[in-house]
Amino acid sequence: MAKSPRDELVFVPLGGVGEIGMNMGAYGFGPARSRKWIVVDCGVSFGGPDLPGIELIMANPEFLEENADDVLALILTHSHEDHYGAVLDLWPVFDKPVYATPFTAAMLAAKRAGDGIVENVDITIMRPGKPFNIGPFTIEAINVAHSIPEANALLITTPVGRVLHTGDWKLDPTPTMGNPTDFARLQAIGGDTELPLALICDSTNAMKDGQSPSEAEIGATLAALIAEAPHRVAVTTFASNVGRVVSIVRAAHQNGRQVVMSGRSLHRIMGIAKELGMLEGLPPVLDQDAYKSVPRDKCVLICTGSQGEARAAIARIARGDHPVIDLNAGDRMIFSSWAIPGNEREVIDIQNLLIDKGVELITQNDALVHVTGHPRRDELRQLYKWVKPEVLVPVHGEAMHLAAHAKLGREEGIPNVCEARNGDMVRLFPEPMTFPAEVRTGELYLDGLVLCTPEESGVKGRRRLSFGGHVVVSLCVNSSGHVVSGPQYVIEGLPETEDESIVYLVEDTVGGVIKSMPPKRRSDPDVLGSALFKAIRNELNAFWGRKPNVNVFVHRV
């Protein structure tokens, strides 16, 4: 495809640039008013305590909807929730193809079946090293090591320039399973100087010096910890980290132990890996029903719940309400994971319960039992040397990660370092430049079964209720101002003390307002309702030091 003098290659982050998770980015090519777009990744983040009732958060695709006729496809780098978790919620409305590797496609199918989702998407399988065309874009998936099978970087080629979109990656020359990062292909990309290259690059570990340890090192540590343990060993990790699970199974087998697996997500993901031929030669594992039959010193348990999920296996074991599995004093529990920000409290609570049982706890603070799948600063430097980018755009991170990555890129001599946030438009070629807040962005919340904007979600009201409780008063008055029914009360979330009851205080306040108000004014529902509202709030504030949520319903009959 020949290029026009007006053609531009632009990048618009819609999520994941300024926060961890919710990754979604769009690449546009063509003149400013007639671009064609491809989208890379469509992920979620998770609601925390500040968003009561909200399970998932995803990028608002309003910009893509406005340009829907020119949106050509979605390409998924891998199947972690923060990169593919919103596909089935957001993408059916576009009715455009989704490109993914076999493992990611199988993960999407399993998610759809497991969650009972009716909507489907059209999946086209892509394979590393086999370029394909989407409109004016040529796409090539490139193997990168990460903490899930079949993670890929994407080389996106257009007539005016190329982009290496790294996705999540690390160098790791010795991953437990799957192919390592394709060093040779990355070096070849840097050796091709016909078109300039922009690097859109993972920043998650840009604040950490050195190089991320290899999965092989984690496997060796786990094997040693299992070998020396006198009793049971239980391990929890991310269910999607198939390589880590394989390391645990191999370590158990080397030490003459049997593996018991507990947790639906573990069984689902390992089942997918087995169907795709990724587990050939791996010793068999037992289901949780076999747990009691395995001798205590011959058992390794792999279970879900590394993020403190209340219904996951390790949480139920810690509480003592798992139907089959328990851990006893002297058993060893390994958290081969890290707590995603926002999950720390739940994880610590589970760990404390296990310690109270006398279980020996080992975390990443005690031994090399976990490493993330993201590059540290030396790995970033190596990638710069290989691919020789003319433009760097740090992505995948909070402000501190992005700033650290940008600073490193400048120190290493990259000519154009463009710092961006969600909604900015970055012109990559020609003449790199960032246009702040060029595109409308935002968030969507999954609230139960409802997908809504933050304003529609009612979260603000839930926060008020959680802070101040709720008082409801209802009564009926007639035209003469006499109370003919009620008052009736509903009081939720307010403190009760032995000295004074909130219920009596509210009743006395309502009674005092009614008695002090002339009948003619009392017959006006708006006047009476306003007076009761103010009096109740003021009296409760004087007693409690907080103003609760108050609703007063006065009906005229």
Protein backbone atom coordinates (compact mmCIF):
# COMPACT_ATOMS: atom_id res chain seq x y z
CA MET A 1 0.00 0.00 0.00
CA ALA A 2 1.42 3.35 -1.07
CA LYS A 3 1.56 6.10 1.47
CA SER A 4 -0.06 9.51 1.14
CA PRO A 5 1.57 12.74 2.36
CA ARG A 6 -1.35 13.10 4.78
CA ASP A 7 -1.08 9.59 6.24
CA GLU A 8 -0.30 9.32 9.95
CA LEU A 9 0.17 6.45 12.38
CA VAL A 10 -1.31 7.27 15.78
CA PHE A 11 -1.72 5.50 19.11
CA VAL A 12 -4.60 6.16 21.52
CA PRO A 13 -4.49 4.46 24.94
CA LEU A 14 -8.03 3.86 26.19
CA GLY A 15 -7.04 2.01 29.37
CA GLY A 16 -3.95 0.77 31.20
CA VAL A 17 -1.88 3.94 30.87
CA GLY A 18 -2.04 5.62 34.26
CA GLU A 19 -3.27 2.52 36.10
CA ILE A 20 -2.49 -1.17 36.44
CA GLY A 21 -4.94 -3.29 34.45
CA MET A 22 -7.82 -2.47 32.08
CA ASN A 23 -5.40 -2.50 29.13
CA MET A 24 -6.84 -1.34 25.82
CA GLY A 25 -5.18 0.64 23.04
CA ALA A 26 -6.11 1.71 19.51
CA TYR A 27 -3.84 2.25 16.51
CA GLY A 28 -5.05 4.45 13.68
CA PHE A 29 -3.63 4.87 10.21
CA GLY A 30 -4.52 7.32 7.46
CA PRO A 31 -5.39 11.01 7.13
CA ALA A 32 -6.69 12.68 10.28
CA ARG A 33 -10.35 12.54 9.21
CA SER A 34 -10.44 9.09 7.63
CA ARG A 35 -8.35 6.70 9.69
CA LYS A 36 -8.73 2.95 9.96
CA TRP A 37 -8.33 1.51 13.45
CA ILE A 38 -7.21 -1.70 15.08
CA VAL A 39 -7.53 -2.34 18.80
CA VAL A 40 -4.97 -4.19 20.92
CA ASP A 41 -6.26 -5.92 24.06
CA CYS A 42 -9.51 -5.44 25.92
CA GLY A 43 -8.94 -6.03 29.62
CA VAL A 44 -10.42 -5.43 33.05
CA SER A 45 -9.33 -4.32 36.47
CA PHE A 46 -11.04 -5.26 39.70
CA GLY A 47 -13.20 -3.17 41.99
CA GLY A 48 -11.76 -2.50 45.43
CA PRO A 49 -13.21 -1.40 48.77
CA ASP A 50 -13.77 2.10 47.39
CA LEU A 51 -16.24 0.68 44.84
CA PRO A 52 -18.71 -1.35 46.89
CA GLY A 53 -20.54 -3.94 44.80
CA ILE A 54 -18.44 -3.39 41.68
CA GLU A 55 -16.78 -6.56 40.44
CA LEU A 56 -14.98 -5.45 37.28
CA ILE A 57 -13.89 -2.18 35.68
CA MET A 58 -13.22 -1.81 31.97
CA ALA A 59 -12.35 0.96 29.56
CA ASN A 60 -15.29 2.86 28.09
CA PRO A 61 -15.20 2.17 24.31
CA GLU A 62 -17.15 5.34 23.42
CA PHE A 63 -14.40 6.56 21.09
CA LEU A 64 -14.40 3.26 19.21
CA GLU A 65 -18.19 3.28 18.97
CA GLU A 66 -18.06 6.72 17.38
CA ASN A 67 -15.66 5.33 14.76
CA ALA A 68 -17.20 1.86 14.57
CA ASP A 69 -17.33 1.75 10.76
CA ASP A 70 -13.54 2.22 10.65
CA VAL A 71 -12.67 -0.21 13.47
CA LEU A 72 -11.31 -3.30 11.73
CA ALA A 73 -10.38 -5.83 14.42
CA LEU A 74 -9.22 -6.62 17.93
CA ILE A 75 -5.88 -8.36 18.50
CA LEU A 76 -5.19 -10.00 21.88
CA THR A 77 -1.62 -10.29 23.12
CA HIS A 78 -2.46 -12.94 25.76
CA SER A 79 -5.21 -14.20 28.06
CA HIS A 80 -4.65 -12.51 31.39
CA GLU A 81 -7.79 -10.81 32.67
CA ASP A 82 -6.24 -7.36 32.46
CA HIS A 83 -5.73 -7.90 28.71
CA TYR A 84 -8.70 -9.98 27.57
CA GLY A 85 -11.23 -10.01 30.41
CA ALA A 86 -13.63 -7.45 28.85
CA VAL A 87 -13.84 -8.98 25.38
CA LEU A 88 -17.13 -10.79 25.90
CA ASP A 89 -18.67 -7.72 27.54
CA LEU A 90 -17.54 -5.07 25.07
CA TRP A 91 -16.67 -6.58 21.73
CA PRO A 92 -19.93 -8.26 20.53
CA VAL A 93 -21.40 -4.80 19.84
CA PHE A 94 -18.66 -4.19 17.24
CA ASP A 95 -19.17 -7.54 15.49
CA LYS A 96 -15.60 -7.43 14.14
CA PRO A 97 -13.02 -10.26 14.18
CA VAL A 98 -10.84 -11.01 17.18
CA TYR A 99 -7.33 -12.35 16.54
CA ALA A 100 -5.85 -14.61 19.21
CA THR A 101 -3.55 -17.61 19.67
CA PRO A 102 -5.10 -21.06 20.26
CA PHE A 103 -4.65 -20.87 24.04
CA THR A 104 -6.26 -17.43 24.30
CA ALA A 105 -9.11 -18.55 22.02
CA ALA A 106 -9.70 -21.59 24.24
CA MET A 107 -9.63 -19.40 27.35
CA LEU A 108 -12.28 -17.13 25.84
CA ALA A 109 -14.46 -20.12 24.99
CA ALA A 110 -14.11 -21.49 28.51
CA LYS A 111 -14.92 -18.09 30.02
CA ARG A 112 -18.04 -17.84 27.86
CA ALA A 113 -19.20 -21.33 28.85
CA GLY A 114 -18.33 -20.96 32.53
CA ASP A 115 -20.06 -17.60 32.93
CA GLY A 116 -23.08 -18.53 30.81
CA ILE A 117 -22.49 -15.65 28.39
CA VAL A 118 -24.79 -15.69 25.38
CA GLU A 119 -22.84 -13.20 23.26
CA ASN A 120 -20.02 -14.58 21.15
CA VAL A 121 -17.15 -13.16 19.12
CA ASP A 122 -15.61 -14.25 15.84
CA ILE A 123 -12.15 -15.67 16.62
CA THR A 124 -9.38 -15.86 14.03
CA ILE A 125 -6.35 -17.86 15.11
CA MET A 126 -2.97 -16.16 14.77
CA ARG A 127 0.42 -17.80 15.16
CA PRO A 128 3.82 -16.27 15.92
CA GLY A 129 6.00 -15.66 12.89
CA LYS A 130 3.10 -15.69 10.42
CA PRO A 131 2.18 -12.11 9.47
CA PHE A 132 -1.36 -11.26 8.38
CA ASN A 133 -3.03 -8.17 6.97
CA ILE A 134 -5.89 -6.13 8.42
CA GLY A 135 -6.70 -3.22 6.14
CA PRO A 136 -3.57 -1.01 5.94
CA PHE A 137 -1.91 -2.85 8.85
CA THR A 138 0.38 -5.87 8.68
CA ILE A 139 0.47 -7.71 12.00
CA GLU A 140 3.03 -10.23 13.21
CA ALA A 141 2.84 -11.97 16.57
CA ILE A 142 6.21 -12.53 18.26
CA ASN A 143 6.83 -14.99 21.10
CA VAL A 144 7.60 -13.37 24.46
CA ALA A 145 8.05 -15.01 27.84
CA HIS A 146 5.40 -14.17 30.43
CA SER A 147 3.52 -15.90 33.23
CA ILE A 148 0.91 -17.47 30.95
CA PRO A 149 1.22 -19.57 27.78
CA GLU A 150 1.35 -18.00 24.34
CA ALA A 151 2.04 -14.38 25.29
CA ASN A 152 2.97 -12.26 22.30
CA ALA A 153 4.37 -8.93 21.29
CA LEU A 154 2.93 -7.47 18.09
CA LEU A 155 4.87 -5.95 15.21
CA ILE A 156 2.46 -3.60 13.44
CA THR A 157 3.67 -2.33 10.07
CA THR A 158 2.19 0.53 8.02
CA PRO A 159 3.52 2.50 5.04
CA VAL A 160 4.77 5.34 7.31
CA GLY A 161 6.30 3.34 10.17
CA ARG A 162 6.26 0.32 12.43
CA VAL A 163 5.19 -0.31 16.02
CA LEU A 164 6.46 -2.97 18.40
CA HIS A 165 3.66 -3.34 20.95
CA THR A 166 5.29 -5.51 23.61
CA GLY A 167 2.27 -6.56 25.64
CA ASP A 168 3.43 -8.14 28.89
CA TRP A 169 6.88 -9.68 28.58
CA LYS A 170 10.24 -10.50 30.10
CA LEU A 171 13.44 -11.91 28.60
CA ASP A 172 13.61 -15.19 30.61
CA PRO A 173 15.76 -17.53 28.47
CA THR A 174 14.63 -20.57 30.53
CA PRO A 175 10.84 -20.50 30.97
CA THR A 176 9.29 -23.60 32.51
CA MET A 177 7.13 -24.23 29.47
CA GLY A 178 6.46 -22.67 26.10
CA ASN A 179 8.84 -20.74 23.92
CA PRO A 180 11.22 -18.12 25.31
CA THR A 181 11.22 -14.54 24.09
CA ASP A 182 12.26 -14.57 20.44
CA PHE A 183 15.59 -12.74 20.78
CA ALA A 184 16.55 -13.32 17.14
CA ARG A 185 13.36 -11.83 15.76
CA LEU A 186 13.67 -8.75 17.99
CA GLN A 187 17.25 -8.23 16.82
CA ALA A 188 16.14 -8.60 13.20
CA ILE A 189 13.47 -5.93 13.74
CA GLY A 190 16.17 -3.55 14.94
CA GLY A 191 18.34 -4.41 11.95
CA ASP A 192 15.60 -3.46 9.49
CA THR A 193 16.00 0.29 8.98
CA GLU A 194 13.68 0.73 6.02
CA LEU A 195 10.85 2.04 8.23
CA PRO A 196 11.19 3.79 11.61
CA LEU A 197 10.04 1.94 14.72
CA ALA A 198 7.99 3.03 17.73
CA LEU A 199 8.14 0.96 20.93
CA ILE A 200 4.94 0.79 22.99
CA CYS A 201 6.31 -0.93 26.05
CA ASP A 202 5.33 -2.52 29.37
CA SER A 203 6.34 -0.34 32.37
CA THR A 204 5.18 -2.52 35.27
CA ASN A 205 8.68 -3.21 36.63
CA ALA A 206 10.43 -0.11 35.28
CA MET A 207 11.28 1.00 38.82
CA LYS A 208 13.24 -2.19 39.58
CA ASP A 209 16.93 -2.54 38.76
CA GLY A 210 18.52 -5.63 37.30
CA GLN A 211 16.77 -8.47 35.50
CA SER A 212 13.73 -10.48 36.53
CA PRO A 213 14.62 -13.98 37.78
CA SER A 214 13.74 -16.86 35.50
CA GLU A 215 10.86 -19.24 36.08
CA ALA A 216 13.50 -21.98 36.22
CA GLU A 217 14.89 -20.38 39.40
CA ILE A 218 11.41 -20.34 40.96
CA GLY A 219 11.02 -24.00 40.08
CA ALA A 220 14.32 -24.87 41.77
CA THR A 221 13.30 -23.03 44.95
CA LEU A 222 9.93 -24.74 45.08
CA ALA A 223 11.59 -28.14 44.59
CA ALA A 224 13.94 -27.50 47.53
CA LEU A 225 11.10 -26.32 49.79
CA ILE A 226 9.06 -29.41 48.96
CA ALA A 227 12.02 -31.74 49.46
CA GLU A 228 12.80 -30.50 52.97
CA ALA A 229 9.21 -30.33 54.24
CA PRO A 230 8.39 -33.05 56.82
CA HIS A 231 4.63 -32.98 56.23
CA ARG A 232 2.15 -31.71 53.67
CA VAL A 233 3.05 -28.85 51.35
CA ALA A 234 0.30 -26.61 49.99
CA VAL A 235 0.97 -24.06 47.27
CA THR A 236 -1.27 -21.33 45.93
CA THR A 237 -0.49 -19.38 42.78
CA PHE A 238 -2.25 -17.65 39.91
CA ALA A 239 -4.31 -20.28 38.12
CA SER A 240 -3.27 -18.84 34.76
CA ASN A 241 0.43 -19.41 35.49
CA VAL A 242 0.52 -22.83 33.86
CA GLY A 243 4.31 -22.90 33.91
CA ARG A 244 4.36 -22.40 37.69
CA VAL A 245 1.84 -25.21 38.18
CA VAL A 246 3.96 -27.46 35.97
CA SER A 247 7.02 -26.62 38.10
CA ILE A 248 5.15 -27.59 41.27
CA VAL A 249 3.94 -30.89 39.79
CA ARG A 250 7.45 -31.78 38.61
CA ALA A 251 8.99 -30.83 41.98
CA ALA A 252 6.46 -33.01 43.80
CA HIS A 253 7.13 -35.95 41.48
CA GLN A 254 10.90 -35.61 41.95
CA ASN A 255 10.38 -35.91 45.69
CA GLY A 256 8.06 -38.92 45.55
CA ARG A 257 4.91 -36.95 46.31
CA GLN A 258 1.47 -36.96 44.74
CA VAL A 259 -0.24 -33.75 43.70
CA VAL A 260 -3.81 -32.89 44.64
CA MET A 261 -5.43 -29.98 42.85
CA SER A 262 -8.32 -27.92 44.25
CA GLY A 263 -10.10 -25.05 42.54
CA ARG A 264 -12.32 -24.75 39.46
CA SER A 265 -10.13 -22.20 37.69
CA LEU A 266 -7.05 -24.41 38.10
CA HIS A 267 -8.85 -27.41 36.65
CA ARG A 268 -10.27 -25.34 33.79
CA ILE A 269 -6.97 -23.77 32.73
CA MET A 270 -4.92 -26.94 33.13
CA GLY A 271 -7.60 -28.77 31.14
CA ILE A 272 -7.19 -26.27 28.30
CA ALA A 273 -3.40 -26.65 28.43
CA LYS A 274 -3.75 -30.45 28.29
CA GLU A 275 -6.14 -30.32 25.32
CA LEU A 276 -3.64 -28.16 23.43
CA GLY A 277 -0.82 -30.63 24.08
CA MET A 278 1.10 -28.42 26.51
CA LEU A 279 1.31 -30.97 29.34
CA GLU A 280 2.70 -34.03 27.58
CA GLY A 281 4.89 -36.07 29.89
CA LEU A 282 3.63 -34.36 33.02
CA PRO A 283 2.80 -36.74 35.91
CA PRO A 284 -0.93 -37.05 36.62
CA VAL A 285 -2.61 -35.01 39.35
CA LEU A 286 -5.44 -36.05 41.65
CA ASP A 287 -8.71 -34.26 42.33
CA GLN A 288 -9.44 -32.97 45.82
CA ASP A 289 -11.61 -36.00 46.63
CA ALA A 290 -8.40 -38.07 46.84
CA TYR A 291 -6.84 -35.75 49.43
CA LYS A 292 -7.56 -37.88 52.50
CA SER A 293 -6.09 -40.98 50.88
CA VAL A 294 -2.65 -39.45 50.29
CA PRO A 295 -0.20 -39.85 53.21
CA ARG A 296 0.58 -36.59 54.94
CA ASP A 297 4.28 -36.69 54.03
CA LYS A 298 3.57 -37.63 50.42
CA CYS A 299 1.13 -34.85 49.53
CA VAL A 300 1.50 -31.59 47.64
CA LEU A 301 -1.68 -29.54 47.37
CA ILE A 302 -2.08 -26.91 44.65
CA CYS A 303 -5.04 -24.64 45.32
CA THR A 304 -6.70 -21.44 44.17
CA GLY A 305 -7.09 -18.27 46.20
CA SER A 306 -3.76 -16.48 45.98
CA GLN A 307 -5.59 -13.13 45.93
CA GLY A 308 -7.65 -13.75 49.05
CA GLU A 309 -10.88 -14.60 47.23
CA ALA A 310 -13.39 -15.56 49.92
CA ARG A 311 -14.83 -18.57 48.06
CA ALA A 312 -11.51 -19.94 46.75
CA ALA A 313 -9.96 -23.11 48.11
CA ILE A 314 -7.25 -21.68 50.36
CA ALA A 315 -9.66 -19.23 52.02
CA ARG A 316 -12.05 -22.07 52.85
CA ILE A 317 -9.17 -24.21 54.12
CA ALA A 318 -7.94 -21.36 56.34
CA ARG A 319 -11.44 -20.85 57.78
CA GLY A 320 -11.85 -24.59 58.33
CA ASP A 321 -14.97 -24.92 56.17
CA HIS A 322 -13.56 -26.73 53.13
CA PRO A 323 -15.59 -29.93 52.60
CA VAL A 324 -12.55 -32.16 51.93
CA ILE A 325 -9.25 -30.45 52.69
CA ASP A 326 -7.66 -29.26 55.91
CA LEU A 327 -4.15 -28.26 56.95
CA ASN A 328 -2.64 -29.08 60.31
CA ALA A 329 0.08 -27.66 62.53
CA GLY A 330 3.45 -28.40 60.96
CA ASP A 331 2.19 -28.39 57.38
CA ARG A 332 3.84 -25.90 55.02
CA MET A 333 1.93 -23.30 52.99
CA ILE A 334 3.67 -21.50 50.11
CA PHE A 335 2.18 -18.36 48.55
CA SER A 336 3.84 -18.54 45.12
CA SER A 337 2.27 -15.23 44.15
CA TRP A 338 2.03 -11.57 45.06
CA ALA A 339 -1.00 -9.64 46.22
CA ILE A 340 -2.39 -7.45 43.45
CA PRO A 341 -2.80 -3.90 44.83
CA GLY A 342 -6.16 -3.75 46.60
CA ASN A 343 -6.09 -7.41 47.66
CA GLU A 344 -3.45 -7.12 50.39
CA ARG A 345 -5.84 -7.11 53.35
CA GLU A 346 -7.73 -10.21 52.23
CA VAL A 347 -4.49 -12.11 51.60
CA ILE A 348 -3.04 -11.13 54.99
CA ASP A 349 -6.25 -12.22 56.75
CA ILE A 350 -5.97 -15.70 55.22
CA GLN A 351 -2.30 -15.93 56.08
CA ASN A 352 -3.04 -15.01 59.70
CA LEU A 353 -5.69 -17.73 59.94
CA LEU A 354 -3.19 -20.29 58.66
CA ILE A 355 -0.53 -19.13 61.12
CA ASP A 356 -3.04 -19.46 63.96
CA LYS A 357 -3.50 -23.11 62.91
CA GLY A 358 0.25 -23.68 63.29
CA VAL A 359 0.85 -23.89 59.55
CA GLU A 360 4.31 -22.76 58.42
CA LEU A 361 3.90 -19.87 55.99
CA ILE A 362 6.37 -19.05 53.19
CA THR A 363 5.92 -16.01 50.94
CA GLN A 364 8.08 -14.12 48.46
CA ASN A 365 9.49 -12.25 51.47
CA ASP A 366 11.01 -15.50 52.73
CA ALA A 367 12.27 -17.20 49.56
CA LEU A 368 12.33 -16.87 45.78
CA VAL A 369 8.89 -18.43 45.30
CA HIS A 370 7.44 -15.86 42.92
CA VAL A 371 8.49 -13.48 40.20
CA THR A 372 6.32 -11.39 37.94
CA GLY A 373 6.31 -11.75 34.18
CA HIS A 374 7.45 -8.19 33.49
CA PRO A 375 10.84 -6.70 32.54
CA ARG A 376 13.12 -4.88 34.92
CA ARG A 377 15.40 -2.04 33.88
CA ASP A 378 18.23 -4.15 32.44
CA GLU A 379 15.75 -6.04 30.28
CA LEU A 380 14.29 -2.77 29.03
CA ARG A 381 17.80 -1.56 28.16
CA GLN A 382 18.47 -4.78 26.26
CA LEU A 383 15.25 -4.43 24.28
CA TYR A 384 16.15 -0.83 23.34
CA LYS A 385 19.53 -2.02 22.02
CA TRP A 386 17.95 -4.78 19.99
CA VAL A 387 15.05 -2.94 18.33
CA LYS A 388 16.56 0.59 18.19
CA PRO A 389 13.29 2.55 18.54
CA GLU A 390 12.98 6.12 17.35
CA VAL A 391 9.92 6.59 19.58
CA LEU A 392 9.12 5.19 23.05
CA VAL A 393 5.68 5.32 24.65
CA PRO A 394 5.61 3.78 28.16
CA VAL A 395 2.34 1.92 28.91
CA HIS A 396 0.98 -0.59 31.44
CA GLY A 397 1.51 1.21 34.72
CA GLU A 398 0.63 3.91 37.19
CA ALA A 399 2.16 7.38 36.96
CA MET A 400 5.30 6.39 38.90
CA HIS A 401 5.98 3.41 36.63
CA LEU A 402 5.44 5.43 33.46
CA ALA A 403 7.68 8.27 34.65
CA ALA A 404 10.47 5.87 35.60
CA HIS A 405 10.26 4.18 32.22
CA ALA A 406 10.27 7.50 30.35
CA LYS A 407 13.32 8.67 32.29
CA LEU A 408 15.15 5.43 31.50
CA GLY A 409 14.34 5.76 27.80
CA ARG A 410 15.75 9.28 27.70
CA GLU A 411 18.89 8.20 29.58
CA GLU A 412 19.41 5.44 27.01
CA GLY A 413 19.24 7.92 24.14
CA ILE A 414 15.86 7.17 22.54
CA PRO A 415 15.22 10.27 20.38
CA ASN A 416 11.50 10.70 21.09
CA VAL A 417 9.97 9.70 24.43
CA CYS A 418 6.24 10.44 24.48
CA GLU A 419 4.59 10.36 27.88
CA ALA A 420 0.87 9.68 27.55
CA ARG A 421 -2.23 8.94 29.59
CA ASN A 422 -5.56 7.41 28.71
CA GLY A 423 -7.30 9.62 26.16
CA ASP A 424 -4.17 11.22 24.76
CA MET A 425 -3.44 10.80 21.07
CA VAL A 426 0.19 10.09 20.24
CA ARG A 427 1.23 10.67 16.65
CA LEU A 428 4.00 8.15 16.14
CA PHE A 429 4.89 8.92 12.52
CA PRO A 430 5.62 11.25 10.91
CA GLU A 431 6.84 13.85 13.44
CA PRO A 432 6.07 12.26 16.84
CA MET A 433 3.90 14.40 19.09
CA THR A 434 1.44 13.90 21.96
CA PHE A 435 -1.96 15.58 21.89
CA PRO A 436 -3.33 15.53 25.47
CA ALA A 437 -6.95 14.58 26.17
CA GLU A 438 -7.75 14.32 22.48
CA VAL A 439 -10.18 11.42 22.92
CA ARG A 440 -13.04 10.86 25.37
CA THR A 441 -12.22 8.03 27.73
CA GLY A 442 -13.61 6.73 30.98
CA GLU A 443 -14.62 3.58 32.77
CA LEU A 444 -17.50 1.14 32.74
CA TYR A 445 -18.45 -0.85 35.84
CA LEU A 446 -19.80 -4.37 35.89
CA ASP A 447 -22.32 -4.15 38.72
CA GLY A 448 -23.78 -7.63 39.10
CA LEU A 449 -25.20 -8.30 35.64
CA VAL A 450 -25.41 -4.61 34.69
CA LEU A 451 -22.74 -2.78 32.68
CA CYS A 452 -22.94 0.92 33.49
CA THR A 453 -21.00 4.17 33.78
CA PRO A 454 -19.74 5.30 37.20
CA GLU A 455 -22.53 7.90 37.31
CA GLU A 456 -25.18 5.25 36.63
CA SER A 457 -23.78 2.73 39.11
CA GLY A 458 -25.07 4.21 42.36
CA VAL A 459 -21.65 3.73 43.99
CA LYS A 460 -21.67 7.25 45.40
CA GLY A 461 -24.88 6.48 47.28
CA ARG A 462 -23.45 3.19 48.57
CA ARG A 463 -20.44 5.03 49.94
CA ARG A 464 -22.72 7.49 51.75
CA LEU A 465 -24.72 4.62 53.19
CA SER A 466 -21.59 2.82 54.33
CA PHE A 467 -20.37 5.96 56.11
CA GLY A 468 -23.56 7.37 57.59
CA GLY A 469 -26.20 4.67 57.71
CA HIS A 470 -29.81 5.34 56.80
CA VAL A 471 -32.90 6.64 58.59
CA VAL A 472 -36.33 6.45 56.96
CA VAL A 473 -39.44 8.06 58.46
CA SER A 474 -42.91 7.70 56.96
CA LEU A 475 -46.24 9.19 58.15
CA CYS A 476 -49.61 10.38 56.85
CA VAL A 477 -51.36 13.67 57.70
CA ASN A 478 -54.81 14.91 56.77
CA SER A 479 -55.96 18.35 55.62
CA SER A 480 -56.32 19.46 59.24
CA GLY A 481 -52.66 18.65 60.00
CA HIS A 482 -53.43 15.63 62.18
CA VAL A 483 -51.19 12.55 61.93
CA VAL A 484 -53.53 9.73 60.90
CA SER A 485 -50.94 7.00 60.31
CA GLY A 486 -47.40 6.46 61.58
CA PRO A 487 -44.76 7.56 62.07
CA GLN A 488 -43.03 4.38 60.97
CA TYR A 489 -39.25 4.03 61.09
CA VAL A 490 -36.50 2.10 59.33
CA ILE A 491 -33.02 2.66 60.83
CA GLU A 492 -29.97 0.89 59.40
CA GLY A 493 -26.28 1.18 60.18
CA LEU A 494 -26.42 3.58 63.15
CA PRO A 495 -24.81 2.84 66.51
CA GLU A 496 -26.76 1.67 69.56
CA THR A 497 -25.51 2.32 73.09
CA GLU A 498 -26.71 1.22 76.51
CA ASP A 499 -27.23 4.82 77.61
CA GLU A 500 -29.44 6.01 74.77
CA SER A 501 -31.24 4.36 71.88
CA ILE A 502 -31.08 5.89 68.41
CA VAL A 503 -34.64 4.72 67.84
CA TYR A 504 -35.92 6.63 70.87
CA LEU A 505 -33.92 9.71 69.89
CA VAL A 506 -35.46 9.72 66.40
CA GLU A 507 -38.94 9.12 67.82
CA ASP A 508 -38.55 11.96 70.31
CA THR A 509 -37.25 14.30 67.59
CA VAL A 510 -40.15 13.50 65.25
CA GLY A 511 -42.66 13.87 68.07
CA GLY A 512 -41.19 17.22 69.10
CA VAL A 513 -41.36 18.64 65.56
CA ILE A 514 -44.99 17.52 65.14
CA LYS A 515 -46.05 19.01 68.47
CA SER A 516 -44.26 22.32 67.90
CA MET A 517 -45.65 22.93 64.41
CA PRO A 518 -49.05 24.61 63.93
CA PRO A 519 -51.67 22.33 62.30
CA LYS A 520 -51.92 24.47 59.16
CA ARG A 521 -48.18 24.16 58.43
CA ARG A 522 -48.24 20.52 59.49
CA SER A 523 -50.83 19.80 56.79
CA ASP A 524 -48.32 20.76 54.08
CA PRO A 525 -46.27 17.59 53.35
CA ASP A 526 -43.31 19.55 51.95
CA VAL A 527 -43.07 21.86 54.98
CA LEU A 528 -43.41 19.05 57.49
CA GLY A 529 -41.02 16.79 55.60
CA SER A 530 -38.34 19.47 55.39
CA ALA A 531 -38.62 20.28 59.10
CA LEU A 532 -38.38 16.61 60.08
CA PHE A 533 -35.37 16.06 57.80
CA LYS A 534 -33.41 18.95 59.29
CA ALA A 535 -34.32 18.12 62.87
CA ILE A 536 -33.41 14.42 62.58
CA ARG A 537 -30.05 15.15 60.92
CA ASN A 538 -29.16 17.83 63.47
CA GLU A 539 -30.12 15.76 66.52
CA LEU A 540 -28.27 12.69 65.28
CA ASN A 541 -25.22 14.80 64.43
CA ALA A 542 -25.23 16.27 67.94
CA PHE A 543 -25.48 12.77 69.46
CA TRP A 544 -23.25 10.82 67.05
CA GLY A 545 -20.98 13.39 65.42
CA ARG A 546 -22.09 12.35 61.93
CA LYS A 547 -24.98 13.23 59.66
CA PRO A 548 -26.72 10.10 58.42
CA ASN A 549 -28.67 9.65 55.21
CA VAL A 550 -32.25 10.63 56.02
CA ASN A 551 -35.40 10.14 53.96
CA VAL A 552 -38.74 11.50 55.19
CA PHE A 553 -41.99 10.56 53.45
CA VAL A 554 -45.05 12.62 54.40
CA HIS A 555 -48.29 11.60 52.67
CA ARG A 556 -51.42 13.74 52.67
CA VAL A 557 -54.73 11.85 52.87
